[in-house]
């Protein structure tokens, strides 16, 4: 069945049930006002955690000099990953994600 046929069937069913396109059936659950309020609350709590220094702010680059690169940091514990591990991670990302030089799950 093509998408055009499914759309015709859906339109016919909505007309039969006296439903409009803006009724609950066609609204995505993430677009409801309750969900938007909940998401905004979550974002505010994250911002509070970062500004109260309860977590490491991953976007703060104030301590870097020109030409320096940011260290990989665990957000929850603020533990800095050693530079040799960071180099391995950079290689992994470059080879397996950016260029597909190797398959992601290859050893």
PDB file of N, CA and C in Angstrom:
ATOM      1  N   UNK A   1       0.856  -1.170   0.000  1.00  0.00           N
ATOM      2  CA  UNK A   1       0.000   0.000   0.000  1.00  0.00           C
ATOM      3  C   UNK A   1       0.907   1.239   0.000  1.00  0.00           C
ATOM      4  N   UNK A   2       0.615   2.170  -0.858  1.00  0.00           N
ATOM      5  CA  UNK A   2       1.447   3.368  -0.962  1.00  0.00           C
ATOM      6  C   UNK A   2       1.065   4.378   0.107  1.00  0.00           C
ATOM      7  N   UNK A   3       1.949   5.334   0.336  1.00  0.00           N
ATOM      8  CA  UNK A   3       1.658   6.373   1.329  1.00  0.00           C
ATOM      9  C   UNK A   3       0.461   7.214   0.900  1.00  0.00           C
ATOM     10  N   UNK A   4       0.295   7.373  -0.426  1.00  0.00           N
ATOM     11  CA  UNK A   4      -0.858   8.124  -0.935  1.00  0.00           C
ATOM     12  C   UNK A   4      -2.166   7.416  -0.574  1.00  0.00           C
ATOM     13  N   UNK A   5      -2.183   6.109  -0.715  1.00  0.00           N
ATOM     14  CA  UNK A   5      -3.379   5.334  -0.369  1.00  0.00           C
ATOM     15  C   UNK A   5      -3.646   5.370   1.133  1.00  0.00           C
ATOM     16  N   UNK A   6      -2.578   5.260   1.928  1.00  0.00           N
ATOM     17  CA  UNK A   6      -2.758   5.333   3.391  1.00  0.00           C
ATOM     18  C   UNK A   6      -3.297   6.693   3.807  1.00  0.00           C
ATOM     19  N   UNK A   7      -2.814   7.748   3.150  1.00  0.00           N
ATOM     20  CA  UNK A   7      -3.303   9.093   3.464  1.00  0.00           C
ATOM     21  C   UNK A   7      -4.786   9.226   3.122  1.00  0.00           C
ATOM     22  N   UNK A   8      -5.201   8.655   2.002  1.00  0.00           N
ATOM     23  CA  UNK A   8      -6.623   8.701   1.624  1.00  0.00           C
ATOM     24  C   UNK A   8      -7.485   7.973   2.650  1.00  0.00           C
ATOM     25  N   UNK A   9      -7.010   6.808   3.084  1.00  0.00           N
ATOM     26  CA  UNK A   9      -7.752   6.026   4.079  1.00  0.00           C
ATOM     27  C   UNK A   9      -7.838   6.797   5.397  1.00  0.00           C
ATOM     28  N   UNK A  10      -6.724   7.374   5.820  1.00  0.00           N
ATOM     29  CA  UNK A  10      -6.707   8.140   7.065  1.00  0.00           C
ATOM     30  C   UNK A  10      -7.660   9.326   6.987  1.00  0.00           C
ATOM     31  N   UNK A  11      -7.636  10.043   5.865  1.00  0.00           N
ATOM     32  CA  UNK A  11      -8.538  11.186   5.686  1.00  0.00           C
ATOM     33  C   UNK A  11      -9.998  10.734   5.718  1.00  0.00           C
ATOM     34  N   UNK A  12     -10.287   9.626   5.054  1.00  0.00           N
ATOM     35  CA  UNK A  12     -11.665   9.116   5.038  1.00  0.00           C
ATOM     36  C   UNK A  12     -12.123   8.723   6.444  1.00  0.00           C
ATOM     37  N   UNK A  13     -11.252   8.066   7.203  1.00  0.00           N
ATOM     38  CA  UNK A  13     -11.602   7.676   8.577  1.00  0.00           C
ATOM     39  C   UNK A  13     -11.828   8.897   9.461  1.00  0.00           C
ATOM     40  N   UNK A  14     -10.980   9.901   9.312  1.00  0.00           N
ATOM     41  CA  UNK A  14     -11.162  11.125  10.108  1.00  0.00           C
ATOM     42  C   UNK A  14     -12.477  11.807   9.759  1.00  0.00           C
ATOM     43  N   UNK A  15     -12.804  11.859   8.477  1.00  0.00           N
ATOM     44  CA  UNK A  15     -14.076  12.464   8.062  1.00  0.00           C
ATOM     45  C   UNK A  15     -15.260  11.676   8.617  1.00  0.00           C
ATOM     46  N   UNK A  16     -15.163  10.361   8.587  1.00  0.00           N
ATOM     47  CA  UNK A  16     -16.239   9.494   9.094  1.00  0.00           C
ATOM     48  C   UNK A  16     -16.460   9.714  10.604  1.00  0.00           C
ATOM     49  N   UNK A  17     -15.354   9.977  11.324  1.00  0.00           N
ATOM     50  CA  UNK A  17     -15.439  10.163  12.781  1.00  0.00           C
ATOM     51  C   UNK A  17     -15.555  11.626  13.185  1.00  0.00           C
ATOM     52  N   UNK A  18     -15.751  12.509  12.216  1.00  0.00           N
ATOM     53  CA  UNK A  18     -15.848  13.953  12.467  1.00  0.00           C
ATOM     54  C   UNK A  18     -14.621  14.493  13.215  1.00  0.00           C
ATOM     55  N   UNK A  19     -13.457  14.055  12.802  1.00  0.00           N
ATOM     56  CA  UNK A  19     -12.214  14.518  13.416  1.00  0.00           C
ATOM     57  C   UNK A  19     -11.532  15.508  12.476  1.00  0.00           C
ATOM     58  N   UNK A  20     -10.866  16.491  13.081  1.00  0.00           N
ATOM     59  CA  UNK A  20     -10.110  17.473  12.309  1.00  0.00           C
ATOM     60  C   UNK A  20      -8.635  17.079  12.322  1.00  0.00           C
ATOM     61  N   UNK A  21      -7.856  17.659  11.425  1.00  0.00           N
ATOM     62  CA  UNK A  21      -6.422  17.357  11.364  1.00  0.00           C
ATOM     63  C   UNK A  21      -5.690  17.766  12.639  1.00  0.00           C
ATOM     64  N   UNK A  22      -6.200  18.739  13.358  1.00  0.00           N
ATOM     65  CA  UNK A  22      -5.514  19.199  14.569  1.00  0.00           C
ATOM     66  C   UNK A  22      -5.975  18.472  15.834  1.00  0.00           C
ATOM     67  N   UNK A  23      -6.799  17.438  15.698  1.00  0.00           N
ATOM     68  CA  UNK A  23      -7.214  16.654  16.865  1.00  0.00           C
ATOM     69  C   UNK A  23      -6.038  15.863  17.414  1.00  0.00           C
ATOM     70  N   UNK A  24      -6.193  15.326  18.590  1.00  0.00           N
ATOM     71  CA  UNK A  24      -5.140  14.607  19.333  1.00  0.00           C
ATOM     72  C   UNK A  24      -4.494  13.490  18.520  1.00  0.00           C
ATOM     73  N   UNK A  25      -5.210  12.881  17.628  1.00  0.00           N
ATOM     74  CA  UNK A  25      -4.694  11.753  16.859  1.00  0.00           C
ATOM     75  C   UNK A  25      -3.454  12.146  16.065  1.00  0.00           C
ATOM     76  N   UNK A  26      -3.444  13.335  15.523  1.00  0.00           N
ATOM     77  CA  UNK A  26      -2.331  13.734  14.656  1.00  0.00           C
ATOM     78  C   UNK A  26      -1.260  14.535  15.387  1.00  0.00           C
ATOM     79  N   UNK A  27      -1.408  14.784  16.681  1.00  0.00           N
ATOM     80  CA  UNK A  27      -0.421  15.565  17.412  1.00  0.00           C
ATOM     81  C   UNK A  27       0.620  14.661  18.043  1.00  0.00           C
ATOM     82  N   UNK A  28       1.871  14.982  17.809  1.00  0.00           N
ATOM     83  CA  UNK A  28       2.965  14.195  18.374  1.00  0.00           C
ATOM     84  C   UNK A  28       3.021  14.427  19.876  1.00  0.00           C
ATOM     85  N   UNK A  29       3.313  13.371  20.636  1.00  0.00           N
ATOM     86  CA  UNK A  29       3.278  13.487  22.096  1.00  0.00           C
ATOM     87  C   UNK A  29       4.317  14.476  22.621  1.00  0.00           C
ATOM     88  N   UNK A  30       5.401  14.703  21.890  1.00  0.00           N
ATOM     89  CA  UNK A  30       6.419  15.661  22.328  1.00  0.00           C
ATOM     90  C   UNK A  30       5.971  17.100  22.120  1.00  0.00           C
ATOM     91  N   UNK A  31       4.889  17.299  21.361  1.00  0.00           N
ATOM     92  CA  UNK A  31       4.428  18.650  21.065  1.00  0.00           C
ATOM     93  C   UNK A  31       3.302  19.118  21.990  1.00  0.00           C
ATOM     94  N   UNK A  32       2.894  18.287  22.942  1.00  0.00           N
ATOM     95  CA  UNK A  32       1.830  18.698  23.854  1.00  0.00           C
ATOM     96  C   UNK A  32       2.356  19.737  24.837  1.00  0.00           C
ATOM     97  N   UNK A  33       1.480  20.562  25.345  1.00  0.00           N
ATOM     98  CA  UNK A  33       1.908  21.631  26.247  1.00  0.00           C
ATOM     99  C   UNK A  33       2.509  21.070  27.537  1.00  0.00           C
ATOM    100  N   UNK A  34       1.962  19.969  28.036  1.00  0.00           N
ATOM    101  CA  UNK A  34       2.524  19.357  29.249  1.00  0.00           C
ATOM    102  C   UNK A  34       3.946  18.876  29.021  1.00  0.00           C
ATOM    103  N   UNK A  35       4.184  18.261  27.867  1.00  0.00           N
ATOM    104  CA  UNK A  35       5.526  17.747  27.572  1.00  0.00           C
ATOM    105  C   UNK A  35       6.514  18.902  27.383  1.00  0.00           C
ATOM    106  N   UNK A  36       6.078  19.973  26.756  1.00  0.00           N
ATOM    107  CA  UNK A  36       6.940  21.140  26.570  1.00  0.00           C
ATOM    108  C   UNK A  36       7.316  21.735  27.922  1.00  0.00           C
ATOM    109  N   UNK A  37       6.338  21.846  28.820  1.00  0.00           N
ATOM    110  CA  UNK A  37       6.623  22.368  30.167  1.00  0.00           C
ATOM    111  C   UNK A  37       7.606  21.465  30.909  1.00  0.00           C
ATOM    112  N   UNK A  38       7.419  20.152  30.793  1.00  0.00           N
ATOM    113  CA  UNK A  38       8.302  19.194  31.451  1.00  0.00           C
ATOM    114  C   UNK A  38       9.732  19.323  30.907  1.00  0.00           C
ATOM    115  N   UNK A  39       9.861  19.409  29.582  1.00  0.00           N
ATOM    116  CA  UNK A  39      11.185  19.550  28.972  1.00  0.00           C
ATOM    117  C   UNK A  39      11.864  20.851  29.391  1.00  0.00           C
ATOM    118  N   UNK A  40      11.107  21.941  29.467  1.00  0.00           N
ATOM    119  CA  UNK A  40      11.675  23.220  29.904  1.00  0.00           C
ATOM    120  C   UNK A  40      12.160  23.131  31.353  1.00  0.00           C
ATOM    121  N   UNK A  41      11.399  22.429  32.190  1.00  0.00           N
ATOM    122  CA  UNK A  41      11.797  22.235  33.582  1.00  0.00           C
ATOM    123  C   UNK A  41      13.109  21.446  33.669  1.00  0.00           C
ATOM    124  N   UNK A  42      13.238  20.420  32.846  1.00  0.00           N
ATOM    125  CA  UNK A  42      14.464  19.613  32.827  1.00  0.00           C
ATOM    126  C   UNK A  42      15.658  20.464  32.395  1.00  0.00           C
ATOM    127  N   UNK A  43      15.480  21.270  31.372  1.00  0.00           N
ATOM    128  CA  UNK A  43      16.572  22.133  30.903  1.00  0.00           C
ATOM    129  C   UNK A  43      16.975  23.127  31.981  1.00  0.00           C
ATOM    130  N   UNK A  44      15.988  23.714  32.661  1.00  0.00           N
ATOM    131  CA  UNK A  44      16.301  24.659  33.748  1.00  0.00           C
ATOM    132  C   UNK A  44      17.072  23.971  34.873  1.00  0.00           C
ATOM    133  N   UNK A  45      16.695  22.724  35.195  1.00  0.00           N
ATOM    134  CA  UNK A  45      17.407  22.021  36.265  1.00  0.00           C
ATOM    135  C   UNK A  45      18.834  21.695  35.855  1.00  0.00           C
ATOM    136  N   UNK A  46      19.057  21.376  34.589  1.00  0.00           N
ATOM    137  CA  UNK A  46      20.428  21.147  34.113  1.00  0.00           C
ATOM    138  C   UNK A  46      21.253  22.425  34.182  1.00  0.00           C
ATOM    139  N   UNK A  47      20.657  23.534  33.754  1.00  0.00           N
ATOM    140  CA  UNK A  47      21.374  24.815  33.833  1.00  0.00           C
ATOM    141  C   UNK A  47      21.725  25.157  35.271  1.00  0.00           C
ATOM    142  N   UNK A  48      20.808  24.885  36.188  1.00  0.00           N
ATOM    143  CA  UNK A  48      21.071  25.115  37.603  1.00  0.00           C
ATOM    144  C   UNK A  48      22.222  24.247  38.094  1.00  0.00           C
ATOM    145  N   UNK A  49      22.237  22.984  37.683  1.00  0.00           N
ATOM    146  CA  UNK A  49      23.318  22.074  38.092  1.00  0.00           C
ATOM    147  C   UNK A  49      24.661  22.563  37.585  1.00  0.00           C
ATOM    148  N   UNK A  50      24.707  23.086  36.363  1.00  0.00           N
ATOM    149  CA  UNK A  50      25.973  23.589  35.820  1.00  0.00           C
ATOM    150  C   UNK A  50      26.396  24.889  36.492  1.00  0.00           C
ATOM    151  N   UNK A  51      25.459  25.798  36.720  1.00  0.00           N
ATOM    152  CA  UNK A  51      25.823  27.089  37.317  1.00  0.00           C
ATOM    153  C   UNK A  51      26.146  26.964  38.799  1.00  0.00           C
ATOM    154  N   UNK A  52      25.563  25.989  39.479  1.00  0.00           N
ATOM    155  CA  UNK A  52      25.860  25.774  40.900  1.00  0.00           C
ATOM    156  C   UNK A  52      27.100  24.902  41.081  1.00  0.00           C
ATOM    157  N   UNK A  53      27.742  24.537  39.956  1.00  0.00           N
ATOM    158  CA  UNK A  53      28.950  23.714  39.946  1.00  0.00           C
ATOM    159  C   UNK A  53      28.726  22.338  40.588  1.00  0.00           C
ATOM    160  N   UNK A  54      27.490  21.835  40.481  1.00  0.00           N
ATOM    161  CA  UNK A  54      27.216  20.468  40.902  1.00  0.00           C
ATOM    162  C   UNK A  54      27.728  19.483  39.855  1.00  0.00           C
ATOM    163  N   UNK A  55      27.819  19.960  38.622  1.00  0.00           N
ATOM    164  CA  UNK A  55      28.363  19.165  37.518  1.00  0.00           C
ATOM    165  C   UNK A  55      29.352  20.036  36.754  1.00  0.00           C
ATOM    166  N   UNK A  56      30.251  19.404  36.029  1.00  0.00           N
ATOM    167  CA  UNK A  56      31.201  20.133  35.202  1.00  0.00           C
ATOM    168  C   UNK A  56      30.484  20.651  33.964  1.00  0.00           C
ATOM    169  N   UNK A  57      30.678  21.921  33.665  1.00  0.00           N
ATOM    170  CA  UNK A  57      30.053  22.525  32.502  1.00  0.00           C
ATOM    171  C   UNK A  57      30.857  22.156  31.252  1.00  0.00           C
ATOM    172  N   UNK A  58      30.300  21.350  30.366  1.00  0.00           N
ATOM    173  CA  UNK A  58      31.052  20.915  29.195  1.00  0.00           C
ATOM    174  C   UNK A  58      31.254  22.021  28.159  1.00  0.00           C
ATOM    175  N   UNK A  59      30.569  23.129  28.315  1.00  0.00           N
ATOM    176  CA  UNK A  59      30.646  24.205  27.338  1.00  0.00           C
ATOM    177  C   UNK A  59      31.527  25.356  27.803  1.00  0.00           C
ATOM    178  N   UNK A  60      32.096  25.253  28.995  1.00  0.00           N
ATOM    179  CA  UNK A  60      32.928  26.322  29.525  1.00  0.00           C
ATOM    180  C   UNK A  60      34.358  26.151  29.027  1.00  0.00           C
ATOM    181  N   UNK A  61      34.799  27.061  28.187  1.00  0.00           N
ATOM    182  CA  UNK A  61      36.148  27.012  27.641  1.00  0.00           C
ATOM    183  C   UNK A  61      36.975  28.203  28.124  1.00  0.00           C
ATOM    184  N   UNK A  62      36.569  28.834  29.221  1.00  0.00           N
ATOM    185  CA  UNK A  62      37.254  30.022  29.722  1.00  0.00           C
ATOM    186  C   UNK A  62      38.687  29.742  30.154  1.00  0.00           C
ATOM    187  N   UNK A  63      38.975  28.538  30.633  1.00  0.00           N
ATOM    188  CA  UNK A  63      40.302  28.214  31.150  1.00  0.00           C
ATOM    189  C   UNK A  63      41.307  27.871  30.051  1.00  0.00           C
ATOM    190  N   UNK A  64      40.874  27.812  28.801  1.00  0.00           N
ATOM    191  CA  UNK A  64      41.768  27.433  27.711  1.00  0.00           C
ATOM    192  C   UNK A  64      42.480  28.651  27.144  1.00  0.00           C
ATOM    193  N   UNK A  65      43.753  28.485  26.843  1.00  0.00           N
ATOM    194  CA  UNK A  65      44.514  29.512  26.137  1.00  0.00           C
ATOM    195  C   UNK A  65      44.312  29.301  24.648  1.00  0.00           C
ATOM    196  N   UNK A  66      44.722  30.259  23.846  1.00  0.00           N
ATOM    197  CA  UNK A  66      44.622  30.103  22.400  1.00  0.00           C
ATOM    198  C   UNK A  66      45.451  28.908  21.950  1.00  0.00           C
ATOM    199  N   UNK A  67      44.883  28.076  21.107  1.00  0.00           N
ATOM    200  CA  UNK A  67      45.592  26.912  20.596  1.00  0.00           C
ATOM    201  C   UNK A  67      45.448  25.678  21.462  1.00  0.00           C
ATOM    202  N   UNK A  68      45.003  25.824  22.697  1.00  0.00           N
ATOM    203  CA  UNK A  68      44.808  24.658  23.567  1.00  0.00           C
ATOM    204  C   UNK A  68      43.550  23.899  23.140  1.00  0.00           C
ATOM    205  N   UNK A  69      43.535  22.625  23.447  1.00  0.00           N
ATOM    206  CA  UNK A  69      42.336  21.834  23.209  1.00  0.00           C
ATOM    207  C   UNK A  69      41.730  21.438  24.550  1.00  0.00           C
ATOM    208  N   UNK A  70      40.455  21.272  24.568  1.00  0.00           N
ATOM    209  CA  UNK A  70      39.758  20.915  25.797  1.00  0.00           C
ATOM    210  C   UNK A  70      39.999  19.443  26.127  1.00  0.00           C
ATOM    211  N   UNK A  71      40.136  19.143  27.387  1.00  0.00           N
ATOM    212  CA  UNK A  71      40.297  17.762  27.837  1.00  0.00           C
ATOM    213  C   UNK A  71      38.940  17.079  27.868  1.00  0.00           C
ATOM    214  N   UNK A  72      38.959  15.760  27.709  1.00  0.00           N
ATOM    215  CA  UNK A  72      37.732  14.986  27.880  1.00  0.00           C
ATOM    216  C   UNK A  72      37.475  14.825  29.369  1.00  0.00           C
ATOM    217  N   UNK A  73      36.271  15.203  29.800  1.00  0.00           N
ATOM    218  CA  UNK A  73      35.937  15.210  31.222  1.00  0.00           C
ATOM    219  C   UNK A  73      34.632  14.458  31.432  1.00  0.00           C
ATOM    220  N   UNK A  74      34.589  13.615  32.465  1.00  0.00           N
ATOM    221  CA  UNK A  74      33.354  12.971  32.868  1.00  0.00           C
ATOM    222  C   UNK A  74      32.457  14.041  33.472  1.00  0.00           C
ATOM    223  N   UNK A  75      31.256  14.204  32.929  1.00  0.00           N
ATOM    224  CA  UNK A  75      30.364  15.280  33.378  1.00  0.00           C
ATOM    225  C   UNK A  75      29.966  15.156  34.842  1.00  0.00           C
ATOM    226  N   UNK A  76      29.712  13.942  35.300  1.00  0.00           N
ATOM    227  CA  UNK A  76      29.213  13.747  36.661  1.00  0.00           C
ATOM    228  C   UNK A  76      30.317  13.818  37.707  1.00  0.00           C
ATOM    229  N   UNK A  77      31.505  13.266  37.393  1.00  0.00           N
ATOM    230  CA  UNK A  77      32.560  13.188  38.406  1.00  0.00           C
ATOM    231  C   UNK A  77      33.653  14.222  38.224  1.00  0.00           C
ATOM    232  N   UNK A  78      33.701  14.870  37.066  1.00  0.00           N
ATOM    233  CA  UNK A  78      34.726  15.854  36.710  1.00  0.00           C
ATOM    234  C   UNK A  78      36.115  15.237  36.613  1.00  0.00           C
ATOM    235  N   UNK A  79      36.196  13.922  36.464  1.00  0.00           N
ATOM    236  CA  UNK A  79      37.482  13.255  36.283  1.00  0.00           C
ATOM    237  C   UNK A  79      37.954  13.511  34.854  1.00  0.00           C
ATOM    238  N   UNK A  80      39.213  13.956  34.728  1.00  0.00           N
ATOM    239  CA  UNK A  80      39.782  14.228  33.416  1.00  0.00           C
ATOM    240  C   UNK A  80      40.388  12.937  32.868  1.00  0.00           C
ATOM    241  N   UNK A  81      40.044  12.628  31.632  1.00  0.00           N
ATOM    242  CA  UNK A  81      40.583  11.428  30.999  1.00  0.00           C
ATOM    243  C   UNK A  81      42.047  11.680  30.657  1.00  0.00           C
ATOM    244  N   UNK A  82      42.952  10.740  30.997  1.00  0.00           N
ATOM    245  CA  UNK A  82      44.374  10.920  30.676  1.00  0.00           C
ATOM    246  C   UNK A  82      44.584  11.160  29.184  1.00  0.00           C
ATOM    247  N   UNK A  83      45.636  11.904  28.839  1.00  0.00           N
ATOM    248  CA  UNK A  83      45.837  12.315  27.454  1.00  0.00           C
ATOM    249  C   UNK A  83      46.035  11.137  26.504  1.00  0.00           C
ATOM    250  N   UNK A  84      46.681  10.044  26.957  1.00  0.00           N
ATOM    251  CA  UNK A  84      46.844   8.898  26.057  1.00  0.00           C
ATOM    252  C   UNK A  84      45.509   8.235  25.752  1.00  0.00           C
ATOM    253  N   UNK A  85      44.609   8.185  26.748  1.00  0.00           N
ATOM    254  CA  UNK A  85      43.268   7.654  26.510  1.00  0.00           C
ATOM    255  C   UNK A  85      42.474   8.590  25.604  1.00  0.00           C
ATOM    256  N   UNK A  86      42.663   9.885  25.788  1.00  0.00           N
ATOM    257  CA  UNK A  86      41.974  10.867  24.955  1.00  0.00           C
ATOM    258  C   UNK A  86      42.436  10.731  23.504  1.00  0.00           C
ATOM    259  N   UNK A  87      43.736  10.462  23.296  1.00  0.00           N
ATOM    260  CA  UNK A  87      44.258  10.274  21.939  1.00  0.00           C
ATOM    261  C   UNK A  87      43.630   9.036  21.300  1.00  0.00           C
ATOM    262  N   UNK A  88      43.490   7.956  22.075  1.00  0.00           N
ATOM    263  CA  UNK A  88      42.857   6.749  21.554  1.00  0.00           C
ATOM    264  C   UNK A  88      41.403   7.027  21.179  1.00  0.00           C
ATOM    265  N   UNK A  89      40.721   7.804  22.014  1.00  0.00           N
ATOM    266  CA  UNK A  89      39.326   8.142  21.743  1.00  0.00           C
ATOM    267  C   UNK A  89      39.224   8.989  20.471  1.00  0.00           C
ATOM    268  N   UNK A  90      40.141   9.931  20.309  1.00  0.00           N
ATOM    269  CA  UNK A  90      40.144  10.778  19.112  1.00  0.00           C
ATOM    270  C   UNK A  90      40.356   9.926  17.862  1.00  0.00           C
ATOM    271  N   UNK A  91      41.290   8.968  17.945  1.00  0.00           N
ATOM    272  CA  UNK A  91      41.546   8.065  16.821  1.00  0.00           C
ATOM    273  C   UNK A  91      40.312   7.229  16.515  1.00  0.00           C
ATOM    274  N   UNK A  92      39.679   6.698  17.551  1.00  0.00           N
ATOM    275  CA  UNK A  92      38.473   5.890  17.369  1.00  0.00           C
ATOM    276  C   UNK A  92      37.388   6.692  16.654  1.00  0.00           C
ATOM    277  N   UNK A  93      37.142   7.897  17.114  1.00  0.00           N
ATOM    278  CA  UNK A  93      36.098   8.732  16.514  1.00  0.00           C
ATOM    279  C   UNK A  93      36.440   9.037  15.058  1.00  0.00           C
ATOM    280  N   UNK A  94      37.699   9.380  14.801  1.00  0.00           N
ATOM    281  CA  UNK A  94      38.108   9.732  13.439  1.00  0.00           C
ATOM    282  C   UNK A  94      37.980   8.536  12.493  1.00  0.00           C
ATOM    283  N   UNK A  95      38.494   7.371  12.908  1.00  0.00           N
ATOM    284  CA  UNK A  95      38.498   6.204  12.031  1.00  0.00           C
ATOM    285  C   UNK A  95      37.130   5.556  11.871  1.00  0.00           C
ATOM    286  N   UNK A  96      36.354   5.524  12.926  1.00  0.00           N
ATOM    287  CA  UNK A  96      35.123   4.733  12.893  1.00  0.00           C
ATOM    288  C   UNK A  96      33.851   5.558  12.707  1.00  0.00           C
ATOM    289  N   UNK A  97      33.901   6.834  13.034  1.00  0.00           N
ATOM    290  CA  UNK A  97      32.695   7.649  12.898  1.00  0.00           C
ATOM    291  C   UNK A  97      32.816   8.684  11.783  1.00  0.00           C
ATOM    292  N   UNK A  98      33.930   9.395  11.762  1.00  0.00           N
ATOM    293  CA  UNK A  98      34.067  10.484  10.789  1.00  0.00           C
ATOM    294  C   UNK A  98      34.380   9.996   9.380  1.00  0.00           C
ATOM    295  N   UNK A  99      35.284   9.002   9.261  1.00  0.00           N
ATOM    296  CA  UNK A  99      35.726   8.589   7.927  1.00  0.00           C
ATOM    297  C   UNK A  99      35.297   7.186   7.535  1.00  0.00           C
ATOM    298  N   UNK A 100      34.775   6.403   8.453  1.00  0.00           N
ATOM    299  CA  UNK A 100      34.401   5.005   8.201  1.00  0.00           C
ATOM    300  C   UNK A 100      35.584   4.195   7.669  1.00  0.00           C
ATOM    301  N   UNK A 101      36.786   4.572   8.086  1.00  0.00           N
ATOM    302  CA  UNK A 101      37.996   3.835   7.715  1.00  0.00           C
ATOM    303  C   UNK A 101      37.905   2.403   8.237  1.00  0.00           C
ATOM    304  N   UNK A 102      37.338   2.265   9.427  1.00  0.00           N
ATOM    305  CA  UNK A 102      37.096   0.955  10.031  1.00  0.00           C
ATOM    306  C   UNK A 102      35.625   0.907  10.424  1.00  0.00           C
ATOM    307  N   UNK A 103      35.081  -0.320  10.479  1.00  0.00           N
ATOM    308  CA  UNK A 103      33.721  -0.478  10.966  1.00  0.00           C
ATOM    309  C   UNK A 103      33.705  -0.239  12.466  1.00  0.00           C
ATOM    310  N   UNK A 104      32.624   0.304  12.981  1.00  0.00           N
ATOM    311  CA  UNK A 104      32.560   0.709  14.376  1.00  0.00           C
ATOM    312  C   UNK A 104      32.858  -0.445  15.343  1.00  0.00           C
ATOM    313  N   UNK A 105      32.353  -1.637  15.072  1.00  0.00           N
ATOM    314  CA  UNK A 105      32.498  -2.755  15.994  1.00  0.00           C
ATOM    315  C   UNK A 105      33.722  -3.618  15.732  1.00  0.00           C
ATOM    316  N   UNK A 106      34.528  -3.273  14.717  1.00  0.00           N
ATOM    317  CA  UNK A 106      35.759  -4.037  14.475  1.00  0.00           C
ATOM    318  C   UNK A 106      36.714  -3.863  15.644  1.00  0.00           C
ATOM    319  N   UNK A 107      37.520  -4.937  15.923  1.00  0.00           N
ATOM    320  CA  UNK A 107      38.486  -4.822  17.040  1.00  0.00           C
ATOM    321  C   UNK A 107      39.610  -3.853  16.715  1.00  0.00           C
TER     322      UNK A 107
END
